Amino acid sequence: MLKRTFRVKAVWDDEAKVFYSESDIEGLHIEAATLDEFEEIMMDEAIDMIISNHMSAADIASRSFKDIVPAIIWQRPDVREVA
């Protein structure tokens, strides 16, 4: 069965002063100074990484569109944790 749910979490690195990603999406590596920037990069890159690294051409060709569209669970941290 094709995996359809993926997780992305933003974690604050106090030393580097950036948010970085923890995710089960192969190839997705994000570092961003703000959560808004992190979220924008994630929305631009996550689907491409899922299609490139988690789906074969056969998966895409043999399933309906609704069966291959992944769900991404985005865990936005509480900004109070960063302060």
PDB file of N, CA and C in Angstrom:
ATOM      1  N   MET A   1       0.846  -1.191   0.000  1.00  0.00           N
ATOM      2  CA  MET A   1       0.000   0.000   0.000  1.00  0.00           C
ATOM      3  C   MET A   1       0.886   1.248   0.000  1.00  0.00           C
ATOM      4  N   LEU A   2       0.518   2.197  -0.790  1.00  0.00           N
ATOM      5  CA  LEU A   2       1.237   3.454  -0.917  1.00  0.00           C
ATOM      6  C   LEU A   2       1.005   4.326   0.308  1.00  0.00           C
ATOM      7  N   LYS A   3       2.089   4.797   0.901  1.00  0.00           N
ATOM      8  CA  LYS A   3       1.977   5.669   2.072  1.00  0.00           C
ATOM      9  C   LYS A   3       1.408   7.015   1.641  1.00  0.00           C
ATOM     10  N   ARG A   4       0.401   7.490   2.356  1.00  0.00           N
ATOM     11  CA  ARG A   4      -0.236   8.740   1.965  1.00  0.00           C
ATOM     12  C   ARG A   4      -0.162   9.817   3.024  1.00  0.00           C
ATOM     13  N   THR A   5       0.340   9.517   4.215  1.00  0.00           N
ATOM     14  CA  THR A   5       0.421  10.525   5.267  1.00  0.00           C
ATOM     15  C   THR A   5       1.872  10.696   5.686  1.00  0.00           C
ATOM     16  N   PHE A   6       2.319  11.940   5.688  1.00  0.00           N
ATOM     17  CA  PHE A   6       3.683  12.281   6.046  1.00  0.00           C
ATOM     18  C   PHE A   6       3.647  13.365   7.116  1.00  0.00           C
ATOM     19  N   ARG A   7       4.708  13.435   7.896  1.00  0.00           N
ATOM     20  CA  ARG A   7       4.776  14.403   8.993  1.00  0.00           C
ATOM     21  C   ARG A   7       5.966  15.338   8.820  1.00  0.00           C
ATOM     22  N   VAL A   8       5.740  16.604   9.193  1.00  0.00           N
ATOM     23  CA  VAL A   8       6.796  17.610   9.194  1.00  0.00           C
ATOM     24  C   VAL A   8       6.689  18.386  10.502  1.00  0.00           C
ATOM     25  N   LYS A   9       7.817  18.539  11.170  1.00  0.00           N
ATOM     26  CA  LYS A   9       7.868  19.285  12.418  1.00  0.00           C
ATOM     27  C   LYS A   9       8.987  20.311  12.317  1.00  0.00           C
ATOM     28  N   ALA A  10       8.736  21.523  12.781  1.00  0.00           N
ATOM     29  CA  ALA A  10       9.761  22.566  12.853  1.00  0.00           C
ATOM     30  C   ALA A  10      10.349  22.554  14.254  1.00  0.00           C
ATOM     31  N   VAL A  11      11.674  22.506  14.320  1.00  0.00           N
ATOM     32  CA  VAL A  11      12.381  22.484  15.600  1.00  0.00           C
ATOM     33  C   VAL A  11      13.327  23.678  15.631  1.00  0.00           C
ATOM     34  N   TRP A  12      13.343  24.393  16.741  1.00  0.00           N
ATOM     35  CA  TRP A  12      14.198  25.581  16.873  1.00  0.00           C
ATOM     36  C   TRP A  12      15.598  25.169  17.319  1.00  0.00           C
ATOM     37  N   ASP A  13      16.616  25.654  16.591  1.00  0.00           N
ATOM     38  CA  ASP A  13      18.018  25.471  16.970  1.00  0.00           C
ATOM     39  C   ASP A  13      18.496  26.799  17.533  1.00  0.00           C
ATOM     40  N   ASP A  14      18.626  26.873  18.851  1.00  0.00           N
ATOM     41  CA  ASP A  14      18.961  28.137  19.506  1.00  0.00           C
ATOM     42  C   ASP A  14      20.371  28.608  19.147  1.00  0.00           C
ATOM     43  N   GLU A  15      21.277  27.674  18.931  1.00  0.00           N
ATOM     44  CA  GLU A  15      22.645  28.053  18.588  1.00  0.00           C
ATOM     45  C   GLU A  15      22.727  28.665  17.184  1.00  0.00           C
ATOM     46  N   ALA A  16      22.073  28.020  16.215  1.00  0.00           N
ATOM     47  CA  ALA A  16      22.094  28.509  14.826  1.00  0.00           C
ATOM     48  C   ALA A  16      21.039  29.577  14.561  1.00  0.00           C
ATOM     49  N   LYS A  17      20.073  29.710  15.475  1.00  0.00           N
ATOM     50  CA  LYS A  17      18.978  30.680  15.337  1.00  0.00           C
ATOM     51  C   LYS A  17      18.133  30.421  14.080  1.00  0.00           C
ATOM     52  N   VAL A  18      17.825  29.146  13.864  1.00  0.00           N
ATOM     53  CA  VAL A  18      16.975  28.762  12.739  1.00  0.00           C
ATOM     54  C   VAL A  18      16.036  27.642  13.177  1.00  0.00           C
ATOM     55  N   PHE A  19      14.947  27.516  12.447  1.00  0.00           N
ATOM     56  CA  PHE A  19      14.084  26.356  12.564  1.00  0.00           C
ATOM     57  C   PHE A  19      14.595  25.332  11.555  1.00  0.00           C
ATOM     58  N   TYR A  20      14.647  24.082  11.947  1.00  0.00           N
ATOM     59  CA  TYR A  20      15.021  23.022  11.014  1.00  0.00           C
ATOM     60  C   TYR A  20      13.928  21.958  11.043  1.00  0.00           C
ATOM     61  N   SER A  21      13.896  21.160   9.986  1.00  0.00           N
ATOM     62  CA  SER A  21      12.816  20.185   9.849  1.00  0.00           C
ATOM     63  C   SER A  21      13.201  18.823  10.399  1.00  0.00           C
ATOM     64  N   GLU A  22      12.214  18.199  11.022  1.00  0.00           N
ATOM     65  CA  GLU A  22      12.234  16.775  11.337  1.00  0.00           C
ATOM     66  C   GLU A  22      11.039  16.208  10.590  1.00  0.00           C
ATOM     67  N   SER A  23      11.301  15.221   9.729  1.00  0.00           N
ATOM     68  CA  SER A  23      10.243  14.744   8.855  1.00  0.00           C
ATOM     69  C   SER A  23      10.514  13.316   8.404  1.00  0.00           C
ATOM     70  N   ASP A  24       9.460  12.636   8.011  1.00  0.00           N
ATOM     71  CA  ASP A  24       9.613  11.319   7.409  1.00  0.00           C
ATOM     72  C   ASP A  24       9.574  11.405   5.880  1.00  0.00           C
ATOM     73  N   ILE A  25       9.696  12.602   5.341  1.00  0.00           N
ATOM     74  CA  ILE A  25       9.756  12.799   3.894  1.00  0.00           C
ATOM     75  C   ILE A  25      11.218  12.776   3.483  1.00  0.00           C
ATOM     76  N   GLU A  26      11.611  11.729   2.756  1.00  0.00           N
ATOM     77  CA  GLU A  26      12.995  11.618   2.300  1.00  0.00           C
ATOM     78  C   GLU A  26      13.370  12.828   1.447  1.00  0.00           C
ATOM     79  N   GLY A  27      14.532  13.403   1.736  1.00  0.00           N
ATOM     80  CA  GLY A  27      15.040  14.511   0.941  1.00  0.00           C
ATOM     81  C   GLY A  27      14.569  15.885   1.382  1.00  0.00           C
ATOM     82  N   LEU A  28      13.635  15.958   2.303  1.00  0.00           N
ATOM     83  CA  LEU A  28      13.144  17.258   2.762  1.00  0.00           C
ATOM     84  C   LEU A  28      14.015  17.753   3.911  1.00  0.00           C
ATOM     85  N   HIS A  29      14.787  18.789   3.641  1.00  0.00           N
ATOM     86  CA  HIS A  29      15.660  19.406   4.644  1.00  0.00           C
ATOM     87  C   HIS A  29      15.407  20.898   4.593  1.00  0.00           C
ATOM     88  N   ILE A  30      14.875  21.448   5.660  1.00  0.00           N
ATOM     89  CA  ILE A  30      14.528  22.867   5.700  1.00  0.00           C
ATOM     90  C   ILE A  30      15.266  23.516   6.858  1.00  0.00           C
ATOM     91  N   GLU A  31      15.805  24.690   6.600  1.00  0.00           N
ATOM     92  CA  GLU A  31      16.315  25.584   7.633  1.00  0.00           C
ATOM     93  C   GLU A  31      15.799  26.967   7.292  1.00  0.00           C
ATOM     94  N   ALA A  32      15.198  27.633   8.259  1.00  0.00           N
ATOM     95  CA  ALA A  32      14.628  28.953   8.015  1.00  0.00           C
ATOM     96  C   ALA A  32      14.659  29.775   9.302  1.00  0.00           C
ATOM     97  N   ALA A  33      14.822  31.074   9.148  1.00  0.00           N
ATOM     98  CA  ALA A  33      14.916  31.974  10.301  1.00  0.00           C
ATOM     99  C   ALA A  33      13.568  32.212  10.971  1.00  0.00           C
ATOM    100  N   THR A  34      12.471  32.072  10.218  1.00  0.00           N
ATOM    101  CA  THR A  34      11.145  32.307  10.781  1.00  0.00           C
ATOM    102  C   THR A  34      10.225  31.126  10.459  1.00  0.00           C
ATOM    103  N   LEU A  35       9.166  31.000  11.233  1.00  0.00           N
ATOM    104  CA  LEU A  35       8.179  29.955  10.956  1.00  0.00           C
ATOM    105  C   LEU A  35       7.458  30.198   9.640  1.00  0.00           C
ATOM    106  N   ASP A  36       7.185  31.457   9.327  1.00  0.00           N
ATOM    107  CA  ASP A  36       6.514  31.756   8.060  1.00  0.00           C
ATOM    108  C   ASP A  36       7.383  31.329   6.876  1.00  0.00           C
ATOM    109  N   GLU A  37       8.684  31.605   6.945  1.00  0.00           N
ATOM    110  CA  GLU A  37       9.606  31.192   5.885  1.00  0.00           C
ATOM    111  C   GLU A  37       9.686  29.665   5.821  1.00  0.00           C
ATOM    112  N   PHE A  38       9.747  29.023   6.980  1.00  0.00           N
ATOM    113  CA  PHE A  38       9.775  27.560   7.053  1.00  0.00           C
ATOM    114  C   PHE A  38       8.544  26.971   6.360  1.00  0.00           C
ATOM    115  N   GLU A  39       7.386  27.495   6.711  1.00  0.00           N
ATOM    116  CA  GLU A  39       6.136  26.986   6.159  1.00  0.00           C
ATOM    117  C   GLU A  39       6.069  27.199   4.647  1.00  0.00           C
ATOM    118  N   GLU A  40       6.536  28.332   4.172  1.00  0.00           N
ATOM    119  CA  GLU A  40       6.540  28.602   2.730  1.00  0.00           C
ATOM    120  C   GLU A  40       7.438  27.599   1.989  1.00  0.00           C
ATOM    121  N   ILE A  41       8.630  27.354   2.518  1.00  0.00           N
ATOM    122  CA  ILE A  41       9.537  26.379   1.898  1.00  0.00           C
ATOM    123  C   ILE A  41       8.913  24.991   1.922  1.00  0.00           C
ATOM    124  N   MET A  42       8.323  24.624   3.058  1.00  0.00           N
ATOM    125  CA  MET A  42       7.696  23.314   3.185  1.00  0.00           C
ATOM    126  C   MET A  42       6.591  23.130   2.146  1.00  0.00           C
ATOM    127  N   MET A  43       5.740  24.123   2.008  1.00  0.00           N
ATOM    128  CA  MET A  43       4.636  24.024   1.041  1.00  0.00           C
ATOM    129  C   MET A  43       5.150  23.931  -0.396  1.00  0.00           C
ATOM    130  N   ASP A  44       6.269  24.590  -0.679  1.00  0.00           N
ATOM    131  CA  ASP A  44       6.849  24.535  -2.023  1.00  0.00           C
ATOM    132  C   ASP A  44       7.553  23.218  -2.312  1.00  0.00           C
ATOM    133  N   GLU A  45       8.184  22.619  -1.311  1.00  0.00           N
ATOM    134  CA  GLU A  45       9.078  21.486  -1.540  1.00  0.00           C
ATOM    135  C   GLU A  45       8.532  20.113  -1.147  1.00  0.00           C
ATOM    136  N   ALA A  46       7.673  20.038  -0.161  1.00  0.00           N
ATOM    137  CA  ALA A  46       7.278  18.741   0.398  1.00  0.00           C
ATOM    138  C   ALA A  46       6.625  17.812  -0.630  1.00  0.00           C
ATOM    139  N   ILE A  47       5.689  18.307  -1.386  1.00  0.00           N
ATOM    140  CA  ILE A  47       5.000  17.452  -2.371  1.00  0.00           C
ATOM    141  C   ILE A  47       5.986  16.920  -3.403  1.00  0.00           C
ATOM    142  N   ASP A  48       6.883  17.785  -3.887  1.00  0.00           N
ATOM    143  CA  ASP A  48       7.879  17.340  -4.867  1.00  0.00           C
ATOM    144  C   ASP A  48       8.763  16.234  -4.293  1.00  0.00           C
ATOM    145  N   MET A  49       9.167  16.378  -3.021  1.00  0.00           N
ATOM    146  CA  MET A  49      10.014  15.367  -2.391  1.00  0.00           C
ATOM    147  C   MET A  49       9.258  14.048  -2.213  1.00  0.00           C
ATOM    148  N   ILE A  50       7.981  14.127  -1.901  1.00  0.00           N
ATOM    149  CA  ILE A  50       7.178  12.907  -1.756  1.00  0.00           C
ATOM    150  C   ILE A  50       7.062  12.195  -3.092  1.00  0.00           C
ATOM    151  N   ILE A  51       6.735  12.938  -4.138  1.00  0.00           N
ATOM    152  CA  ILE A  51       6.586  12.324  -5.460  1.00  0.00           C
ATOM    153  C   ILE A  51       7.915  11.758  -5.941  1.00  0.00           C
ATOM    154  N   SER A  52       9.003  12.512  -5.754  1.00  0.00           N
ATOM    155  CA  SER A  52      10.318  12.068  -6.224  1.00  0.00           C
ATOM    156  C   SER A  52      10.863  10.876  -5.437  1.00  0.00           C
ATOM    157  N   ASN A  53      10.643  10.861  -4.122  1.00  0.00           N
ATOM    158  CA  ASN A  53      11.338   9.898  -3.278  1.00  0.00           C
ATOM    159  C   ASN A  53      10.475   8.813  -2.646  1.00  0.00           C
ATOM    160  N   HIS A  54       9.156   8.925  -2.799  1.00  0.00           N
ATOM    161  CA  HIS A  54       8.282   7.929  -2.166  1.00  0.00           C
ATOM    162  C   HIS A  54       7.311   7.274  -3.140  1.00  0.00           C
ATOM    163  N   MET A  55       7.309   7.702  -4.395  1.00  0.00           N
ATOM    164  CA  MET A  55       6.378   7.129  -5.366  1.00  0.00           C
ATOM    165  C   MET A  55       7.137   6.722  -6.626  1.00  0.00           C
ATOM    166  N   SER A  56       6.780   5.577  -7.152  1.00  0.00           N
ATOM    167  CA  SER A  56       7.366   5.135  -8.413  1.00  0.00           C
ATOM    168  C   SER A  56       6.456   5.566  -9.561  1.00  0.00           C
ATOM    169  N   ALA A  57       6.993   5.494 -10.759  1.00  0.00           N
ATOM    170  CA  ALA A  57       6.177   5.802 -11.936  1.00  0.00           C
ATOM    171  C   ALA A  57       4.985   4.856 -12.007  1.00  0.00           C
ATOM    172  N   ALA A  58       5.182   3.609 -11.614  1.00  0.00           N
ATOM    173  CA  ALA A  58       4.086   2.629 -11.618  1.00  0.00           C
ATOM    174  C   ALA A  58       3.001   3.014 -10.613  1.00  0.00           C
ATOM    175  N   ASP A  59       3.413   3.511  -9.426  1.00  0.00           N
ATOM    176  CA  ASP A  59       2.429   3.978  -8.440  1.00  0.00           C
ATOM    177  C   ASP A  59       1.561   5.072  -9.035  1.00  0.00           C
ATOM    178  N   ILE A  60       2.211   6.030  -9.657  1.00  0.00           N
ATOM    179  CA  ILE A  60       1.502   7.184 -10.216  1.00  0.00           C
ATOM    180  C   ILE A  60       0.596   6.774 -11.369  1.00  0.00           C
ATOM    181  N   ALA A  61       1.089   5.880 -12.238  1.00  0.00           N
ATOM    182  CA  ALA A  61       0.328   5.470 -13.418  1.00  0.00           C
ATOM    183  C   ALA A  61      -0.842   4.551 -13.093  1.00  0.00           C
ATOM    184  N   SER A  62      -0.724   3.782 -12.029  1.00  0.00           N
ATOM    185  CA  SER A  62      -1.739   2.756 -11.779  1.00  0.00           C
ATOM    186  C   SER A  62      -2.812   3.154 -10.767  1.00  0.00           C
ATOM    187  N   ARG A  63      -2.701   4.325 -10.198  1.00  0.00           N
ATOM    188  CA  ARG A  63      -3.673   4.734  -9.184  1.00  0.00           C
ATOM    189  C   ARG A  63      -4.402   6.004  -9.609  1.00  0.00           C
ATOM    190  N   SER A  64      -5.578   6.186  -9.041  1.00  0.00           N
ATOM    191  CA  SER A  64      -6.319   7.411  -9.318  1.00  0.00           C
ATOM    192  C   SER A  64      -5.648   8.567  -8.568  1.00  0.00           C
ATOM    193  N   PHE A  65      -5.912   9.764  -9.027  1.00  0.00           N
ATOM    194  CA  PHE A  65      -5.319  10.953  -8.426  1.00  0.00           C
ATOM    195  C   PHE A  65      -5.616  11.029  -6.933  1.00  0.00           C
ATOM    196  N   LYS A  66      -6.852  10.752  -6.541  1.00  0.00           N
ATOM    197  CA  LYS A  66      -7.222  10.840  -5.121  1.00  0.00           C
ATOM    198  C   LYS A  66      -6.479   9.824  -4.272  1.00  0.00           C
ATOM    199  N   ASP A  67      -6.019   8.719  -4.876  1.00  0.00           N
ATOM    200  CA  ASP A  67      -5.289   7.697  -4.134  1.00  0.00           C
ATOM    201  C   ASP A  67      -3.803   7.997  -3.979  1.00  0.00           C
ATOM    202  N   ILE A  68      -3.274   8.941  -4.756  1.00  0.00           N
ATOM    203  CA  ILE A  68      -1.847   9.243  -4.630  1.00  0.00           C
ATOM    204  C   ILE A  68      -1.563  10.598  -3.986  1.00  0.00           C
ATOM    205  N   VAL A  69      -2.582  11.425  -3.822  1.00  0.00           N
ATOM    206  CA  VAL A  69      -2.359  12.731  -3.191  1.00  0.00           C
ATOM    207  C   VAL A  69      -2.029  12.504  -1.718  1.00  0.00           C
ATOM    208  N   PRO A  70      -0.842  12.946  -1.296  1.00  0.00           N
ATOM    209  CA  PRO A  70      -0.451  12.705   0.096  1.00  0.00           C
ATOM    210  C   PRO A  70      -1.049  13.732   1.052  1.00  0.00           C
ATOM    211  N   ALA A  71      -1.132  13.347   2.293  1.00  0.00           N
ATOM    212  CA  ALA A  71      -1.502  14.267   3.367  1.00  0.00           C
ATOM    213  C   ALA A  71      -0.223  14.598   4.123  1.00  0.00           C
ATOM    214  N   ILE A  72      -0.041  15.876   4.431  1.00  0.00           N
ATOM    215  CA  ILE A  72       1.124  16.302   5.190  1.00  0.00           C
ATOM    216  C   ILE A  72       0.623  16.872   6.509  1.00  0.00           C
ATOM    217  N   ILE A  73       1.074  16.269   7.589  1.00  0.00           N
ATOM    218  CA  ILE A  73       0.705  16.758   8.914  1.00  0.00           C
ATOM    219  C   ILE A  73       1.818  17.686   9.361  1.00  0.00           C
ATOM    220  N   TRP A  74       1.485  18.961   9.466  1.00  0.00           N
ATOM    221  CA  TRP A  74       2.445  20.020   9.768  1.00  0.00           C
ATOM    222  C   TRP A  74       2.304  20.393  11.226  1.00  0.00           C
ATOM    223  N   GLN A  75       3.369  20.207  11.972  1.00  0.00           N
ATOM    224  CA  GLN A  75       3.368  20.519  13.394  1.00  0.00           C
ATOM    225  C   GLN A  75       4.118  21.825  13.609  1.00  0.00           C
ATOM    226  N   ARG A  76       3.363  22.915  13.710  1.00  0.00           N
ATOM    227  CA  ARG A  76       3.951  24.235  13.939  1.00  0.00           C
ATOM    228  C   ARG A  76       4.185  24.403  15.433  1.00  0.00           C
ATOM    229  N   PRO A  77       5.427  24.705  15.832  1.00  0.00           N
ATOM    230  CA  PRO A  77       5.700  24.805  17.270  1.00  0.00           C
ATOM    231  C   PRO A  77       5.058  26.029  17.888  1.00  0.00           C
ATOM    232  N   ASP A  78       4.856  25.950  19.172  1.00  0.00           N
ATOM    233  CA  ASP A  78       4.369  27.084  19.936  1.00  0.00           C
ATOM    234  C   ASP A  78       5.516  28.095  20.020  1.00  0.00           C
ATOM    235  N   VAL A  79       5.307  29.302  19.506  1.00  0.00           N
ATOM    236  CA  VAL A  79       6.391  30.292  19.471  1.00  0.00           C
ATOM    237  C   VAL A  79       6.884  30.667  20.854  1.00  0.00           C
ATOM    238  N   ARG A  80       6.114  30.421  21.874  1.00  0.00           N
ATOM    239  CA  ARG A  80       6.574  30.688  23.238  1.00  0.00           C
ATOM    240  C   ARG A  80       7.738  29.782  23.602  1.00  0.00           C
ATOM    241  N   GLU A  81       7.818  28.595  22.957  1.00  0.00           N
ATOM    242  CA  GLU A  81       8.920  27.666  23.206  1.00  0.00           C
ATOM    243  C   GLU A  81      10.240  28.240  22.705  1.00  0.00           C
ATOM    244  N   VAL A  82      10.190  29.092  21.687  1.00  0.00           N
ATOM    245  CA  VAL A  82      11.382  29.628  21.049  1.00  0.00           C
ATOM    246  C   VAL A  82      11.943  30.811  21.813  1.00  0.00           C
ATOM    247  N   ALA A  83      11.075  31.582  22.416  1.00  0.00           N
ATOM    248  CA  ALA A  83      11.497  32.821  23.078  1.00  0.00           C
ATOM    249  C   ALA A  83      12.432  32.606  24.229  1.00  0.00           C
TER     250      ALA A  83
END
